[in-house]
N, C-alpha and C. Protein backbone atom coordinates (compact mmCIF):
# COMPACT_ATOMS: atom_id res chain seq x y z
N UNK A 1 137.67 107.90 81.78
CA UNK A 1 138.01 106.72 82.52
C UNK A 1 138.32 107.06 83.98
N UNK A 2 139.06 108.14 84.19
CA UNK A 2 139.39 108.55 85.55
C UNK A 2 138.12 108.85 86.35
N UNK A 3 137.17 109.48 85.69
CA UNK A 3 135.92 109.83 86.35
C UNK A 3 135.20 108.56 86.81
N UNK A 4 135.16 107.53 85.97
CA UNK A 4 134.49 106.28 86.32
C UNK A 4 135.16 105.59 87.49
N UNK A 5 136.48 105.59 87.49
CA UNK A 5 137.22 104.98 88.60
C UNK A 5 136.94 105.74 89.89
N UNK A 6 136.94 107.06 89.81
CA UNK A 6 136.69 107.88 91.00
C UNK A 6 135.28 107.64 91.54
N UNK A 7 134.30 107.51 90.67
CA UNK A 7 132.92 107.24 91.10
C UNK A 7 132.82 105.88 91.79
N UNK A 8 133.52 104.87 91.25
CA UNK A 8 133.50 103.54 91.89
C UNK A 8 134.20 103.60 93.25
N UNK A 9 135.23 104.43 93.39
CA UNK A 9 135.88 104.61 94.69
C UNK A 9 134.91 105.25 95.67
N UNK A 10 134.18 106.26 95.23
CA UNK A 10 133.23 106.96 96.09
C UNK A 10 132.14 106.04 96.61
N UNK A 11 131.59 105.20 95.74
CA UNK A 11 130.47 104.36 96.17
C UNK A 11 130.92 102.99 96.69
N UNK A 12 132.23 102.74 96.75
CA UNK A 12 132.75 101.53 97.36
C UNK A 12 132.74 100.30 96.48
N UNK A 13 132.55 100.45 95.17
CA UNK A 13 132.53 99.30 94.29
C UNK A 13 133.83 99.10 93.52
N UNK A 14 134.80 99.97 93.75
CA UNK A 14 136.09 99.86 93.06
C UNK A 14 136.84 98.64 93.60
N UNK A 15 137.43 97.87 92.70
CA UNK A 15 138.20 96.69 93.09
C UNK A 15 139.62 96.87 92.58
N UNK A 16 140.54 97.00 93.50
CA UNK A 16 141.95 97.10 93.16
C UNK A 16 142.47 95.69 92.99
N UNK A 17 143.04 95.39 91.84
CA UNK A 17 143.48 94.02 91.56
C UNK A 17 144.77 93.65 92.26
N UNK A 18 145.52 94.62 92.75
CA UNK A 18 146.75 94.27 93.46
C UNK A 18 146.43 93.97 94.92
N UNK A 19 146.96 92.87 95.39
CA UNK A 19 146.67 92.42 96.75
C UNK A 19 147.80 92.77 97.69
N UNK A 20 147.45 93.11 98.91
CA UNK A 20 148.44 93.32 99.95
C UNK A 20 149.01 91.97 100.36
N UNK A 21 150.21 91.99 100.94
CA UNK A 21 150.83 90.76 101.43
C UNK A 21 149.86 90.10 102.42
N UNK A 22 149.63 88.81 102.24
CA UNK A 22 148.68 88.10 103.10
C UNK A 22 147.35 87.82 102.41
N UNK A 23 147.19 88.39 101.22
CA UNK A 23 145.97 88.18 100.43
C UNK A 23 146.34 87.69 99.04
N UNK A 24 145.37 87.08 98.38
CA UNK A 24 145.52 86.73 96.96
C UNK A 24 144.25 87.18 96.25
N UNK A 25 144.39 87.57 95.00
CA UNK A 25 143.25 88.05 94.21
C UNK A 25 142.70 86.88 93.40
N UNK A 26 141.42 86.58 93.61
CA UNK A 26 140.80 85.45 92.93
C UNK A 26 139.31 85.71 92.78
N UNK A 27 138.77 85.52 91.60
CA UNK A 27 137.34 85.70 91.33
C UNK A 27 136.85 87.08 91.75
N UNK A 28 137.62 88.11 91.41
CA UNK A 28 137.29 89.51 91.71
C UNK A 28 137.16 89.78 93.22
N UNK A 29 137.88 89.00 94.03
CA UNK A 29 137.88 89.18 95.48
C UNK A 29 139.29 89.04 96.01
N UNK A 30 139.55 89.68 97.15
CA UNK A 30 140.81 89.50 97.86
C UNK A 30 140.56 88.49 98.96
N UNK A 31 141.18 87.33 98.82
CA UNK A 31 141.01 86.24 99.78
C UNK A 31 142.26 86.11 100.64
N UNK A 32 142.08 85.66 101.86
CA UNK A 32 143.20 85.50 102.78
C UNK A 32 144.07 84.34 102.32
N UNK A 33 145.37 84.58 102.23
CA UNK A 33 146.37 83.57 101.92
C UNK A 33 146.97 83.16 103.26
N UNK A 34 146.50 82.04 103.82
CA UNK A 34 146.80 81.69 105.21
C UNK A 34 148.28 81.67 105.59
N UNK A 35 149.18 81.05 104.82
CA UNK A 35 150.59 81.07 105.25
C UNK A 35 151.13 82.50 105.40
N UNK A 36 150.82 83.35 104.46
CA UNK A 36 151.28 84.74 104.53
C UNK A 36 150.53 85.51 105.61
N UNK A 37 149.26 85.19 105.80
CA UNK A 37 148.46 85.85 106.84
C UNK A 37 149.02 85.53 108.23
N UNK A 38 149.52 84.33 108.41
CA UNK A 38 150.15 83.97 109.68
C UNK A 38 151.37 84.86 109.94
N UNK A 39 152.11 85.17 108.90
CA UNK A 39 153.27 86.07 109.03
C UNK A 39 152.80 87.46 109.42
N UNK A 40 151.71 87.94 108.82
CA UNK A 40 151.17 89.26 109.16
C UNK A 40 150.75 89.28 110.63
N UNK A 41 150.04 88.26 111.07
CA UNK A 41 149.63 88.19 112.47
C UNK A 41 150.83 88.18 113.41
N UNK A 42 151.87 87.48 113.00
CA UNK A 42 153.09 87.42 113.81
C UNK A 42 153.75 88.79 113.90
N UNK A 43 153.77 89.53 112.80
CA UNK A 43 154.36 90.87 112.80
C UNK A 43 153.64 91.75 113.82
N UNK A 44 152.32 91.74 113.79
CA UNK A 44 151.55 92.54 114.75
C UNK A 44 151.80 92.07 116.18
N UNK A 45 151.81 90.77 116.38
CA UNK A 45 152.03 90.21 117.71
C UNK A 45 153.42 90.57 118.25
N UNK A 46 154.44 90.40 117.42
CA UNK A 46 155.81 90.73 117.85
C UNK A 46 155.94 92.21 118.18
N UNK A 47 155.32 93.04 117.37
CA UNK A 47 155.39 94.49 117.62
C UNK A 47 154.68 94.84 118.94
N UNK A 48 153.52 94.25 119.16
CA UNK A 48 152.79 94.50 120.40
C UNK A 48 153.55 94.00 121.63
N UNK A 49 154.38 92.98 121.44
CA UNK A 49 155.17 92.44 122.54
C UNK A 49 156.49 93.18 122.72
N UNK A 50 156.66 94.31 122.05
CA UNK A 50 157.81 95.17 122.28
C UNK A 50 158.97 95.00 121.32
N UNK A 51 158.85 94.16 120.33
CA UNK A 51 159.94 93.98 119.38
C UNK A 51 159.93 95.15 118.39
N UNK A 52 161.08 95.65 118.05
CA UNK A 52 161.19 96.76 117.12
C UNK A 52 160.98 96.32 115.68
N UNK A 53 160.66 97.27 114.83
CA UNK A 53 160.37 96.98 113.42
C UNK A 53 161.60 96.38 112.73
N UNK A 54 162.77 96.95 112.96
CA UNK A 54 163.99 96.44 112.32
C UNK A 54 164.29 95.02 112.80
N UNK A 55 164.10 94.76 114.08
CA UNK A 55 164.35 93.42 114.64
C UNK A 55 163.38 92.41 114.03
N UNK A 56 162.12 92.80 113.87
CA UNK A 56 161.12 91.92 113.24
C UNK A 56 161.57 91.59 111.82
N UNK A 57 162.01 92.59 111.07
CA UNK A 57 162.44 92.38 109.69
C UNK A 57 163.64 91.44 109.63
N UNK A 58 164.60 91.64 110.49
CA UNK A 58 165.79 90.78 110.50
C UNK A 58 165.43 89.35 110.87
N UNK A 59 164.56 89.18 111.86
CA UNK A 59 164.14 87.84 112.29
C UNK A 59 163.41 87.12 111.15
N UNK A 60 162.49 87.81 110.49
CA UNK A 60 161.75 87.19 109.38
C UNK A 60 162.68 86.83 108.23
N UNK A 61 163.66 87.68 107.94
CA UNK A 61 164.61 87.40 106.86
C UNK A 61 165.40 86.13 107.16
N UNK A 62 165.84 86.00 108.40
CA UNK A 62 166.61 84.81 108.80
C UNK A 62 165.76 83.54 108.74
N UNK A 63 164.54 83.63 109.22
CA UNK A 63 163.69 82.44 109.32
C UNK A 63 163.07 82.01 108.00
N UNK A 64 162.73 82.96 107.15
CA UNK A 64 162.01 82.62 105.91
C UNK A 64 162.90 82.56 104.68
N UNK A 65 164.04 83.22 104.73
CA UNK A 65 164.89 83.29 103.55
C UNK A 65 164.45 84.36 102.57
N UNK A 66 163.31 85.01 102.84
CA UNK A 66 162.83 86.12 102.03
C UNK A 66 163.52 87.40 102.50
N UNK A 67 163.55 88.39 101.65
CA UNK A 67 164.12 89.68 102.03
C UNK A 67 163.04 90.51 102.73
N UNK A 68 163.24 90.74 104.01
CA UNK A 68 162.35 91.60 104.79
C UNK A 68 163.16 92.80 105.23
N UNK A 69 162.56 93.98 105.18
CA UNK A 69 163.25 95.18 105.65
C UNK A 69 162.29 96.04 106.47
N UNK A 70 162.85 97.09 107.04
CA UNK A 70 162.09 97.99 107.90
C UNK A 70 160.86 98.52 107.18
N UNK A 71 161.02 98.94 105.94
CA UNK A 71 159.93 99.56 105.19
C UNK A 71 158.76 98.59 104.97
N UNK A 72 159.06 97.36 104.64
CA UNK A 72 158.01 96.37 104.38
C UNK A 72 157.21 96.07 105.66
N UNK A 73 157.92 95.89 106.77
CA UNK A 73 157.24 95.61 108.04
C UNK A 73 156.42 96.82 108.48
N UNK A 74 156.99 97.99 108.35
CA UNK A 74 156.31 99.25 108.73
C UNK A 74 155.05 99.45 107.90
N UNK A 75 155.12 99.13 106.61
CA UNK A 75 153.97 99.24 105.72
C UNK A 75 152.84 98.31 106.18
N UNK A 76 153.19 97.09 106.54
CA UNK A 76 152.19 96.13 107.01
C UNK A 76 151.52 96.64 108.28
N UNK A 77 152.29 97.18 109.20
CA UNK A 77 151.73 97.66 110.46
C UNK A 77 150.79 98.85 110.27
N UNK A 78 150.95 99.59 109.19
CA UNK A 78 150.13 100.78 108.97
C UNK A 78 149.07 100.63 107.89
N UNK A 79 148.89 99.43 107.34
CA UNK A 79 147.98 99.24 106.22
C UNK A 79 146.60 98.80 106.70
N UNK A 80 145.58 99.60 106.41
CA UNK A 80 144.21 99.33 106.84
C UNK A 80 143.59 98.10 106.18
N UNK A 81 144.22 97.57 105.15
CA UNK A 81 143.66 96.40 104.48
C UNK A 81 143.60 95.19 105.41
N UNK A 82 144.49 95.15 106.39
CA UNK A 82 144.54 94.00 107.29
C UNK A 82 143.36 93.94 108.26
N UNK A 83 142.59 95.03 108.36
CA UNK A 83 141.36 94.99 109.15
C UNK A 83 140.14 94.87 108.24
N UNK A 84 140.39 94.65 106.94
CA UNK A 84 139.30 94.42 106.00
C UNK A 84 138.79 95.67 105.30
N UNK A 85 139.45 96.80 105.52
CA UNK A 85 139.02 98.06 104.91
C UNK A 85 140.01 98.50 103.83
N UNK A 86 139.61 99.49 103.04
CA UNK A 86 140.50 100.03 102.01
C UNK A 86 140.42 101.54 101.98
N UNK A 87 141.57 102.16 101.81
CA UNK A 87 141.66 103.60 101.57
C UNK A 87 142.09 103.76 100.12
N UNK A 88 141.20 104.33 99.32
CA UNK A 88 141.48 104.52 97.91
C UNK A 88 142.03 105.92 97.67
N UNK A 89 142.86 106.00 96.65
CA UNK A 89 143.47 107.23 96.17
C UNK A 89 144.54 107.75 97.14
N UNK A 90 145.32 106.82 97.71
CA UNK A 90 146.48 107.21 98.51
C UNK A 90 147.53 107.83 97.59
N UNK A 91 147.55 107.34 96.37
CA UNK A 91 148.45 107.87 95.35
C UNK A 91 147.62 108.18 94.11
N UNK A 92 148.16 109.00 93.27
CA UNK A 92 147.46 109.33 92.03
C UNK A 92 148.48 109.57 90.92
N UNK A 93 148.00 109.52 89.69
CA UNK A 93 148.84 109.78 88.53
C UNK A 93 148.49 111.16 87.99
N UNK A 94 149.51 111.96 87.72
CA UNK A 94 149.28 113.32 87.22
C UNK A 94 148.59 113.27 85.86
N UNK A 95 147.92 114.35 85.50
CA UNK A 95 147.20 114.40 84.24
C UNK A 95 148.04 114.96 83.10
N UNK A 96 149.15 115.56 83.41
CA UNK A 96 150.01 116.17 82.39
C UNK A 96 151.20 115.27 82.08
N UNK A 97 151.63 115.32 80.83
CA UNK A 97 152.83 114.58 80.44
C UNK A 97 154.05 115.27 81.01
N UNK A 98 155.06 114.59 81.42
CA UNK A 98 155.09 113.14 81.58
C UNK A 98 154.28 112.73 82.81
N UNK A 99 153.54 111.63 82.68
CA UNK A 99 152.74 111.14 83.80
C UNK A 99 153.64 110.74 84.95
N UNK A 100 153.28 111.16 86.14
CA UNK A 100 154.05 110.82 87.34
C UNK A 100 153.10 110.31 88.40
N UNK A 101 153.54 109.32 89.15
CA UNK A 101 152.75 108.81 90.26
C UNK A 101 153.18 109.59 91.50
N UNK A 102 152.20 110.17 92.20
CA UNK A 102 152.49 110.99 93.37
C UNK A 102 151.67 110.53 94.56
N UNK A 103 152.21 110.77 95.74
CA UNK A 103 151.47 110.49 96.97
C UNK A 103 150.43 111.59 97.16
N UNK A 104 149.22 111.21 97.48
CA UNK A 104 148.13 112.16 97.65
C UNK A 104 148.24 112.81 99.03
N UNK A 105 148.63 114.06 99.05
CA UNK A 105 148.77 114.81 100.30
C UNK A 105 147.65 115.83 100.44
N UNK A 106 146.47 115.48 99.93
CA UNK A 106 145.32 116.35 100.03
C UNK A 106 144.95 117.02 98.72
N UNK A 107 145.71 116.74 97.66
CA UNK A 107 145.37 117.33 96.36
C UNK A 107 144.05 116.77 95.82
N UNK A 108 143.77 115.51 96.12
CA UNK A 108 142.54 114.85 95.68
C UNK A 108 141.89 114.20 96.90
N UNK A 109 140.58 113.97 96.83
CA UNK A 109 139.93 113.31 97.97
C UNK A 109 140.36 111.85 98.09
N UNK A 110 140.36 111.35 99.30
CA UNK A 110 140.61 109.93 99.56
C UNK A 110 139.28 109.32 99.95
N UNK A 111 139.14 108.02 99.68
CA UNK A 111 137.88 107.34 99.97
C UNK A 111 138.16 106.13 100.86
N UNK A 112 137.57 106.12 102.05
CA UNK A 112 137.74 105.02 102.98
C UNK A 112 136.50 104.15 102.92
N UNK A 113 136.69 102.87 102.59
CA UNK A 113 135.57 101.94 102.44
C UNK A 113 135.80 100.76 103.39
N UNK A 114 134.80 100.47 104.21
CA UNK A 114 134.91 99.37 105.16
C UNK A 114 134.42 98.06 104.55
N UNK A 115 135.03 96.97 104.98
CA UNK A 115 134.57 95.64 104.58
C UNK A 115 134.84 95.27 103.14
N UNK A 116 135.96 95.71 102.59
CA UNK A 116 136.26 95.37 101.20
C UNK A 116 136.88 93.99 101.05
N UNK A 117 137.40 93.42 102.13
CA UNK A 117 137.93 92.06 102.12
C UNK A 117 137.89 91.53 103.54
N UNK A 118 138.13 90.23 103.67
CA UNK A 118 138.16 89.60 104.99
C UNK A 118 139.34 90.15 105.79
N UNK A 119 139.15 90.34 107.06
CA UNK A 119 140.23 90.89 107.89
C UNK A 119 141.19 89.79 108.34
N UNK A 120 142.43 90.19 108.56
CA UNK A 120 143.45 89.28 109.09
C UNK A 120 143.65 89.56 110.58
N UNK A 121 143.56 90.82 110.96
CA UNK A 121 143.66 91.18 112.38
C UNK A 121 142.42 91.99 112.77
N UNK A 122 142.17 92.11 114.05
CA UNK A 122 140.99 92.85 114.49
C UNK A 122 141.28 94.36 114.57
N UNK A 123 140.23 95.14 114.53
CA UNK A 123 140.37 96.60 114.51
C UNK A 123 140.99 97.15 115.78
N UNK A 124 140.70 96.55 116.92
CA UNK A 124 141.28 97.03 118.18
C UNK A 124 142.80 96.92 118.16
N UNK A 125 143.31 95.82 117.64
CA UNK A 125 144.76 95.65 117.55
C UNK A 125 145.35 96.68 116.60
N UNK A 126 144.72 96.86 115.45
CA UNK A 126 145.23 97.81 114.46
C UNK A 126 145.22 99.23 115.00
N UNK A 127 144.17 99.59 115.73
CA UNK A 127 144.03 100.97 116.22
C UNK A 127 145.03 101.35 117.30
N UNK A 128 145.76 100.37 117.82
CA UNK A 128 146.82 100.66 118.80
C UNK A 128 147.95 101.43 118.13
N UNK A 129 148.16 101.19 116.85
CA UNK A 129 149.28 101.80 116.13
C UNK A 129 148.91 103.21 115.71
N UNK A 130 149.76 104.14 116.02
CA UNK A 130 149.51 105.55 115.68
C UNK A 130 150.50 105.99 114.60
N UNK A 131 150.52 105.26 113.48
CA UNK A 131 151.41 105.65 112.40
C UNK A 131 150.72 106.72 111.65
């Protein structure tokens, strides 16, 4: 099973059913969820206008009533899914018991696939961030 998943990652046909914030999974596709996508666009815009990550999180928490923190905002700013691309195998599960989920620090290949979903922000804006 692992081999099949890895082959689909390599050729770009792998579909991860979990959606990033701003997307919803429907009919085997990741579609833009406009209200949440507006929040993602605002996060990028506020950051580009000089607002800090913690300040963005605090402002969103106050305005939306949702719990926003530094980590969540930072993750959004560094996630390639918002430009419509996907990086597969950022994390992996060990093969030995007990199974553990680990961050891939070069132990396994990563697969970057362009155009896996509709973009929320443009690539030029995303490439400004050097996370």
